[in-house]
Amino acid sequence: MKQKEAYDYLARVYLDKASKRREPRPKRRPIFIYVYVGLSLILIAGLTIVLFSLIRQKGAAKKALALIIEPGLTRISFNFDLAKKEILSYNLEDLNLRDYKALGVFVRTANPKHELHLRIELRNRYGEESEFYLSDICGRWSDFKVDLADFKDITNWSNMSELRFVIEDWNTRVKKGRVYIDNVRFIK
């Protein structure tokens, strides 16, 4: 019996090993396929994000497009003991403003206690001129946006010749001071 038990044992061991060898092993996919798929998904996600951000920026750029007339800080000093008004003038050199909707400007007075009103004048080559008053200019920077439609006496915006900022004696509480004007621009 010992011999039969030995044969049975050997058959069991042999058959068990044989059956294990005959079972198909699960196929392993090479690691580079996972890396390739992962990198492809990251690349697609990145390109999608870049594309949407460019589309958003393009829309924002159209809304904020402006023609800068004077990017730097300008100062108007006034002393009404001698004069009745002080003028800062920009030559627009026949600028075409048909596609623009507003005039933007940052303004403040030098002394925080001073308040004044500033007249803005626009003129075209054909002699048309119109004005608009900015009120409550004080000692902190304020961004004013004036609709070009508020300059009612101008009908032809194709050949604009001059932009003027005027401080008038009758329209200020103080007779001596300084006004700062910055970032003069036309906005589409």
C-alpha atoms as a PDB file:
ATOM      1  CA  MET A   1       0.000   0.000   0.000  1.00  0.00           C
ATOM      2  CA  LYS A   2       2.743   2.221   0.519  1.00  0.00           C
ATOM      3  CA  GLN A   3       3.579   2.054  -3.076  1.00  0.00           C
ATOM      4  CA  LYS A   4      -0.005   2.847  -4.109  1.00  0.00           C
ATOM      5  CA  GLU A   5      -0.108   5.758  -1.710  1.00  0.00           C
ATOM      6  CA  ALA A   6       3.127   6.985  -3.133  1.00  0.00           C
ATOM      7  CA  TYR A   7       1.742   6.788  -6.678  1.00  0.00           C
ATOM      8  CA  ASP A   8      -1.450   8.550  -5.608  1.00  0.00           C
ATOM      9  CA  TYR A   9       0.574  11.221  -3.913  1.00  0.00           C
ATOM     10  CA  LEU A  10       2.782  11.666  -6.945  1.00  0.00           C
ATOM     11  CA  ALA A  11      -0.238  11.746  -9.254  1.00  0.00           C
ATOM     12  CA  ARG A  12      -1.918  14.339  -7.110  1.00  0.00           C
ATOM     13  CA  VAL A  13       1.163  16.492  -6.975  1.00  0.00           C
ATOM     14  CA  TYR A  14       1.830  16.050 -10.666  1.00  0.00           C
ATOM     15  CA  LEU A  15      -1.775  16.645 -11.686  1.00  0.00           C
ATOM     16  CA  ASP A  16      -2.122  19.659  -9.395  1.00  0.00           C
ATOM     17  CA  LYS A  17       1.010  21.206 -10.848  1.00  0.00           C
ATOM     18  CA  ALA A  18      -0.030  20.315 -14.347  1.00  0.00           C
ATOM     19  CA  SER A  19      -3.448  21.845 -13.870  1.00  0.00           C
ATOM     20  CA  LYS A  20      -1.858  25.028 -12.561  1.00  0.00           C
ATOM     21  CA  ARG A  21       0.371  25.253 -15.577  1.00  0.00           C
ATOM     22  CA  ARG A  22      -2.451  24.668 -17.974  1.00  0.00           C
ATOM     23  CA  GLU A  23      -4.574  27.516 -16.576  1.00  0.00           C
ATOM     24  CA  PRO A  24      -4.036  30.604 -18.687  1.00  0.00           C
ATOM     25  CA  ARG A  25      -2.317  33.377 -16.831  1.00  0.00           C
ATOM     26  CA  PRO A  26      -4.033  36.725 -16.880  1.00  0.00           C
ATOM     27  CA  LYS A  27      -2.385  38.923 -19.436  1.00  0.00           C
ATOM     28  CA  ARG A  28      -0.513  41.828 -17.989  1.00  0.00           C
ATOM     29  CA  ARG A  29      -0.602  44.983 -19.972  1.00  0.00           C
ATOM     30  CA  PRO A  30       2.731  46.676 -20.246  1.00  0.00           C
ATOM     31  CA  ILE A  31       3.089  49.707 -17.982  1.00  0.00           C
ATOM     32  CA  PHE A  32       3.813  52.055 -20.883  1.00  0.00           C
ATOM     33  CA  ILE A  33       0.178  51.714 -22.035  1.00  0.00           C
ATOM     34  CA  TYR A  34      -1.024  53.081 -18.683  1.00  0.00           C
ATOM     35  CA  VAL A  35       1.521  55.873 -18.841  1.00  0.00           C
ATOM     36  CA  TYR A  36       0.501  56.697 -22.422  1.00  0.00           C
ATOM     37  CA  VAL A  37      -3.219  56.802 -21.578  1.00  0.00           C
ATOM     38  CA  GLY A  38      -2.591  58.885 -18.442  1.00  0.00           C
ATOM     39  CA  LEU A  39      -0.437  61.431 -20.256  1.00  0.00           C
ATOM     40  CA  SER A  40      -2.964  61.649 -23.085  1.00  0.00           C
ATOM     41  CA  LEU A  41      -5.776  62.443 -20.647  1.00  0.00           C
ATOM     42  CA  ILE A  42      -3.656  65.099 -18.908  1.00  0.00           C
ATOM     43  CA  LEU A  43      -2.753  66.651 -22.268  1.00  0.00           C
ATOM     44  CA  ILE A  44      -6.388  66.752 -23.411  1.00  0.00           C
ATOM     45  CA  ALA A  45      -7.512  68.303 -20.109  1.00  0.00           C
ATOM     46  CA  GLY A  46      -4.727  70.917 -20.288  1.00  0.00           C
ATOM     47  CA  LEU A  47      -5.542  71.873 -23.877  1.00  0.00           C
ATOM     48  CA  THR A  48      -9.224  72.191 -22.995  1.00  0.00           C
ATOM     49  CA  ILE A  49      -8.432  74.515 -20.093  1.00  0.00           C
ATOM     50  CA  VAL A  50      -6.118  76.646 -22.248  1.00  0.00           C
ATOM     51  CA  LEU A  51      -8.691  76.848 -25.042  1.00  0.00           C
ATOM     52  CA  PHE A  52     -11.485  77.985 -22.712  1.00  0.00           C
ATOM     53  CA  SER A  53      -9.253  80.538 -20.994  1.00  0.00           C
ATOM     54  CA  LEU A  54      -8.248  81.994 -24.391  1.00  0.00           C
ATOM     55  CA  ILE A  55     -11.883  82.251 -25.416  1.00  0.00           C
ATOM     56  CA  ARG A  56     -12.730  83.973 -22.119  1.00  0.00           C
ATOM     57  CA  GLN A  57      -9.778  86.371 -22.457  1.00  0.00           C
ATOM     58  CA  LYS A  58     -10.741  87.229 -26.025  1.00  0.00           C
ATOM     59  CA  GLY A  59     -14.239  88.175 -24.871  1.00  0.00           C
ATOM     60  CA  ALA A  60     -12.857  90.215 -21.977  1.00  0.00           C
ATOM     61  CA  ALA A  61     -10.376  91.971 -24.265  1.00  0.00           C
ATOM     62  CA  LYS A  62     -13.181  93.104 -26.565  1.00  0.00           C
ATOM     63  CA  LYS A  63     -15.069  94.573 -23.617  1.00  0.00           C
ATOM     64  CA  ALA A  64     -12.079  96.411 -22.174  1.00  0.00           C
ATOM     65  CA  LEU A  65     -10.450  97.594 -25.371  1.00  0.00           C
ATOM     66  CA  ALA A  66      -9.437 101.223 -25.006  1.00  0.00           C
ATOM     67  CA  LEU A  67      -7.441 103.842 -26.839  1.00  0.00           C
ATOM     68  CA  ILE A  68      -5.032 105.406 -24.350  1.00  0.00           C
ATOM     69  CA  ILE A  69      -4.609 109.133 -24.944  1.00  0.00           C
ATOM     70  CA  GLU A  70      -2.333 109.880 -21.971  1.00  0.00           C
ATOM     71  CA  PRO A  71      -1.118 106.922 -19.879  1.00  0.00           C
ATOM     72  CA  GLY A  72       0.971 109.039 -17.520  1.00  0.00           C
ATOM     73  CA  LEU A  73       0.054 111.350 -14.721  1.00  0.00           C
ATOM     74  CA  THR A  74      -0.696 114.955 -15.727  1.00  0.00           C
ATOM     75  CA  ARG A  75      -1.159 117.918 -13.439  1.00  0.00           C
ATOM     76  CA  ILE A  76      -3.200 121.103 -13.785  1.00  0.00           C
ATOM     77  CA  SER A  77      -2.153 123.836 -11.365  1.00  0.00           C
ATOM     78  CA  PHE A  78      -4.570 126.699 -10.997  1.00  0.00           C
ATOM     79  CA  ASN A  79      -4.428 130.093  -9.343  1.00  0.00           C
ATOM     80  CA  PHE A  80      -7.517 132.162 -10.037  1.00  0.00           C
ATOM     81  CA  ASP A  81      -6.087 135.426  -8.780  1.00  0.00           C
ATOM     82  CA  LEU A  82      -4.902 136.136 -12.312  1.00  0.00           C
ATOM     83  CA  ALA A  83      -6.880 133.891 -14.666  1.00  0.00           C
ATOM     84  CA  LYS A  84     -10.512 132.858 -14.933  1.00  0.00           C
ATOM     85  CA  LYS A  85      -9.806 129.288 -16.117  1.00  0.00           C
ATOM     86  CA  GLU A  86      -7.007 126.760 -16.566  1.00  0.00           C
ATOM     87  CA  ILE A  87      -6.938 124.362 -19.525  1.00  0.00           C
ATOM     88  CA  LEU A  88      -5.168 121.077 -20.253  1.00  0.00           C
ATOM     89  CA  SER A  89      -5.495 120.240 -23.945  1.00  0.00           C
ATOM     90  CA  TYR A  90      -4.736 117.116 -25.995  1.00  0.00           C
ATOM     91  CA  ASN A  91      -4.431 117.261 -29.781  1.00  0.00           C
ATOM     92  CA  LEU A  92      -6.341 114.258 -31.131  1.00  0.00           C
ATOM     93  CA  GLU A  93      -4.986 114.704 -34.682  1.00  0.00           C
ATOM     94  CA  ASP A  94      -8.234 113.857 -36.538  1.00  0.00           C
ATOM     95  CA  LEU A  95      -8.805 110.714 -34.485  1.00  0.00           C
ATOM     96  CA  ASN A  96     -11.736 108.536 -35.569  1.00  0.00           C
ATOM     97  CA  LEU A  97     -13.887 107.791 -32.512  1.00  0.00           C
ATOM     98  CA  ARG A  98     -16.914 106.266 -34.261  1.00  0.00           C
ATOM     99  CA  ASP A  99     -16.355 102.819 -32.693  1.00  0.00           C
ATOM    100  CA  TYR A 100     -15.791 104.139 -29.161  1.00  0.00           C
ATOM    101  CA  LYS A 101     -18.501 104.426 -26.532  1.00  0.00           C
ATOM    102  CA  ALA A 102     -16.961 106.288 -23.593  1.00  0.00           C
ATOM    103  CA  LEU A 103     -14.154 108.492 -22.322  1.00  0.00           C
ATOM    104  CA  GLY A 104     -12.381 107.217 -19.206  1.00  0.00           C
ATOM    105  CA  VAL A 105     -10.159 109.232 -16.880  1.00  0.00           C
ATOM    106  CA  PHE A 106      -8.776 108.989 -13.348  1.00  0.00           C
ATOM    107  CA  VAL A 107      -8.932 112.325 -11.481  1.00  0.00           C
ATOM    108  CA  ARG A 108      -8.131 113.637  -8.003  1.00  0.00           C
ATOM    109  CA  THR A 109      -7.249 116.919  -6.298  1.00  0.00           C
ATOM    110  CA  ALA A 110      -3.952 117.445  -4.515  1.00  0.00           C
ATOM    111  CA  ASN A 111      -5.614 118.554  -1.289  1.00  0.00           C
ATOM    112  CA  PRO A 112      -8.178 116.091   0.166  1.00  0.00           C
ATOM    113  CA  LYS A 113     -10.239 119.010   1.521  1.00  0.00           C
ATOM    114  CA  HIS A 114     -10.712 120.612  -1.888  1.00  0.00           C
ATOM    115  CA  GLU A 115     -13.667 119.699  -4.095  1.00  0.00           C
ATOM    116  CA  LEU A 116     -14.163 121.002  -7.592  1.00  0.00           C
ATOM    117  CA  HIS A 117     -15.919 120.429 -10.888  1.00  0.00           C
ATOM    118  CA  LEU A 118     -14.023 119.741 -14.093  1.00  0.00           C
ATOM    119  CA  ARG A 119     -15.324 120.574 -17.546  1.00  0.00           C
ATOM    120  CA  ILE A 120     -14.424 118.189 -20.384  1.00  0.00           C
ATOM    121  CA  GLU A 121     -14.639 119.523 -23.933  1.00  0.00           C
ATOM    122  CA  LEU A 122     -14.435 117.596 -27.194  1.00  0.00           C
ATOM    123  CA  ARG A 123     -14.039 119.252 -30.594  1.00  0.00           C
ATOM    124  CA  ASN A 124     -13.983 117.901 -34.114  1.00  0.00           C
ATOM    125  CA  ARG A 125     -12.394 119.230 -37.287  1.00  0.00           C
ATOM    126  CA  TYR A 126     -15.730 120.609 -38.509  1.00  0.00           C
ATOM    127  CA  GLY A 127     -16.117 123.076 -35.642  1.00  0.00           C
ATOM    128  CA  GLU A 128     -18.558 121.046 -33.572  1.00  0.00           C
ATOM    129  CA  GLU A 129     -17.797 121.126 -29.865  1.00  0.00           C
ATOM    130  CA  SER A 130     -19.529 119.814 -26.786  1.00  0.00           C
ATOM    131  CA  GLU A 131     -18.857 119.729 -23.065  1.00  0.00           C
ATOM    132  CA  PHE A 132     -19.563 117.609 -20.027  1.00  0.00           C
ATOM    133  CA  TYR A 133     -18.985 118.419 -16.349  1.00  0.00           C
ATOM    134  CA  LEU A 134     -17.413 115.991 -13.888  1.00  0.00           C
ATOM    135  CA  SER A 135     -18.557 116.839 -10.400  1.00  0.00           C
ATOM    136  CA  ASP A 136     -17.418 116.020  -6.882  1.00  0.00           C
ATOM    137  CA  ILE A 137     -13.744 115.577  -7.669  1.00  0.00           C
ATOM    138  CA  CYS A 138     -12.004 115.141  -4.340  1.00  0.00           C
ATOM    139  CA  GLY A 139      -8.652 114.129  -2.837  1.00  0.00           C
ATOM    140  CA  ARG A 140      -8.879 110.409  -3.654  1.00  0.00           C
ATOM    141  CA  TRP A 141      -8.525 108.825  -7.090  1.00  0.00           C
ATOM    142  CA  SER A 142     -11.833 108.371  -8.877  1.00  0.00           C
ATOM    143  CA  ASP A 143     -12.316 106.602 -12.199  1.00  0.00           C
ATOM    144  CA  PHE A 144     -14.823 108.532 -14.279  1.00  0.00           C
ATOM    145  CA  LYS A 145     -16.374 107.071 -17.426  1.00  0.00           C
ATOM    146  CA  VAL A 146     -18.318 109.541 -19.552  1.00  0.00           C
ATOM    147  CA  ASP A 147     -20.573 108.244 -22.305  1.00  0.00           C
ATOM    148  CA  LEU A 148     -19.688 109.869 -25.630  1.00  0.00           C
ATOM    149  CA  ALA A 149     -23.435 110.201 -26.208  1.00  0.00           C
ATOM    150  CA  ASP A 150     -23.409 112.804 -23.398  1.00  0.00           C
ATOM    151  CA  PHE A 151     -21.512 115.127 -25.756  1.00  0.00           C
ATOM    152  CA  LYS A 152     -24.740 115.973 -27.551  1.00  0.00           C
ATOM    153  CA  ASP A 153     -23.521 118.715 -29.894  1.00  0.00           C
ATOM    154  CA  ILE A 154     -21.108 116.453 -31.786  1.00  0.00           C
ATOM    155  CA  THR A 155     -22.611 114.569 -34.711  1.00  0.00           C
ATOM    156  CA  ASN A 156     -19.473 113.556 -36.616  1.00  0.00           C
ATOM    157  CA  TRP A 157     -17.019 111.458 -34.568  1.00  0.00           C
ATOM    158  CA  SER A 158     -14.700 110.619 -37.479  1.00  0.00           C
ATOM    159  CA  ASN A 159     -12.294 113.585 -37.252  1.00  0.00           C
ATOM    160  CA  MET A 160     -11.865 114.594 -33.621  1.00  0.00           C
ATOM    161  CA  SER A 161      -9.343 117.374 -33.158  1.00  0.00           C
ATOM    162  CA  GLU A 162      -9.106 118.234 -29.467  1.00  0.00           C
ATOM    163  CA  LEU A 163      -9.845 116.986 -25.958  1.00  0.00           C
ATOM    164  CA  ARG A 164      -9.693 119.620 -23.205  1.00  0.00           C
ATOM    165  CA  PHE A 165      -9.968 119.566 -19.423  1.00  0.00           C
ATOM    166  CA  VAL A 166     -10.975 122.952 -18.020  1.00  0.00           C
ATOM    167  CA  ILE A 167     -11.071 124.256 -14.441  1.00  0.00           C
ATOM    168  CA  GLU A 168     -13.162 127.417 -14.168  1.00  0.00           C
ATOM    169  CA  ASP A 169     -13.044 130.086 -11.487  1.00  0.00           C
ATOM    170  CA  TRP A 170     -16.805 130.118 -10.887  1.00  0.00           C
ATOM    171  CA  ASN A 171     -17.001 126.323 -10.558  1.00  0.00           C
ATOM    172  CA  THR A 172     -14.507 125.753  -7.688  1.00  0.00           C
ATOM    173  CA  ARG A 173     -14.693 126.431  -3.970  1.00  0.00           C
ATOM    174  CA  VAL A 174     -10.990 127.189  -3.676  1.00  0.00           C
ATOM    175  CA  LYS A 175      -9.076 129.643  -5.826  1.00  0.00           C
ATOM    176  CA  LYS A 176      -5.698 127.931  -5.752  1.00  0.00           C
ATOM    177  CA  GLY A 177      -4.790 124.245  -6.001  1.00  0.00           C
ATOM    178  CA  ARG A 178      -3.817 121.321  -8.175  1.00  0.00           C
ATOM    179  CA  VAL A 179      -5.712 118.566 -10.020  1.00  0.00           C
ATOM    180  CA  TYR A 180      -4.129 115.292 -11.141  1.00  0.00           C
ATOM    181  CA  ILE A 181      -5.369 113.533 -14.272  1.00  0.00           C
ATOM    182  CA  ASP A 182      -4.244 110.022 -15.187  1.00  0.00           C
ATOM    183  CA  ASN A 183      -5.006 107.284 -17.699  1.00  0.00           C
ATOM    184  CA  VAL A 184      -7.021 109.316 -20.200  1.00  0.00           C
ATOM    185  CA  ARG A 185      -8.576 106.791 -22.621  1.00  0.00           C
ATOM    186  CA  PHE A 186     -11.417 106.160 -25.043  1.00  0.00           C
ATOM    187  CA  ILE A 187     -13.262 102.905 -24.368  1.00  0.00           C
ATOM    188  CA  LYS A 188     -15.013 100.689 -26.929  1.00  0.00           C
END
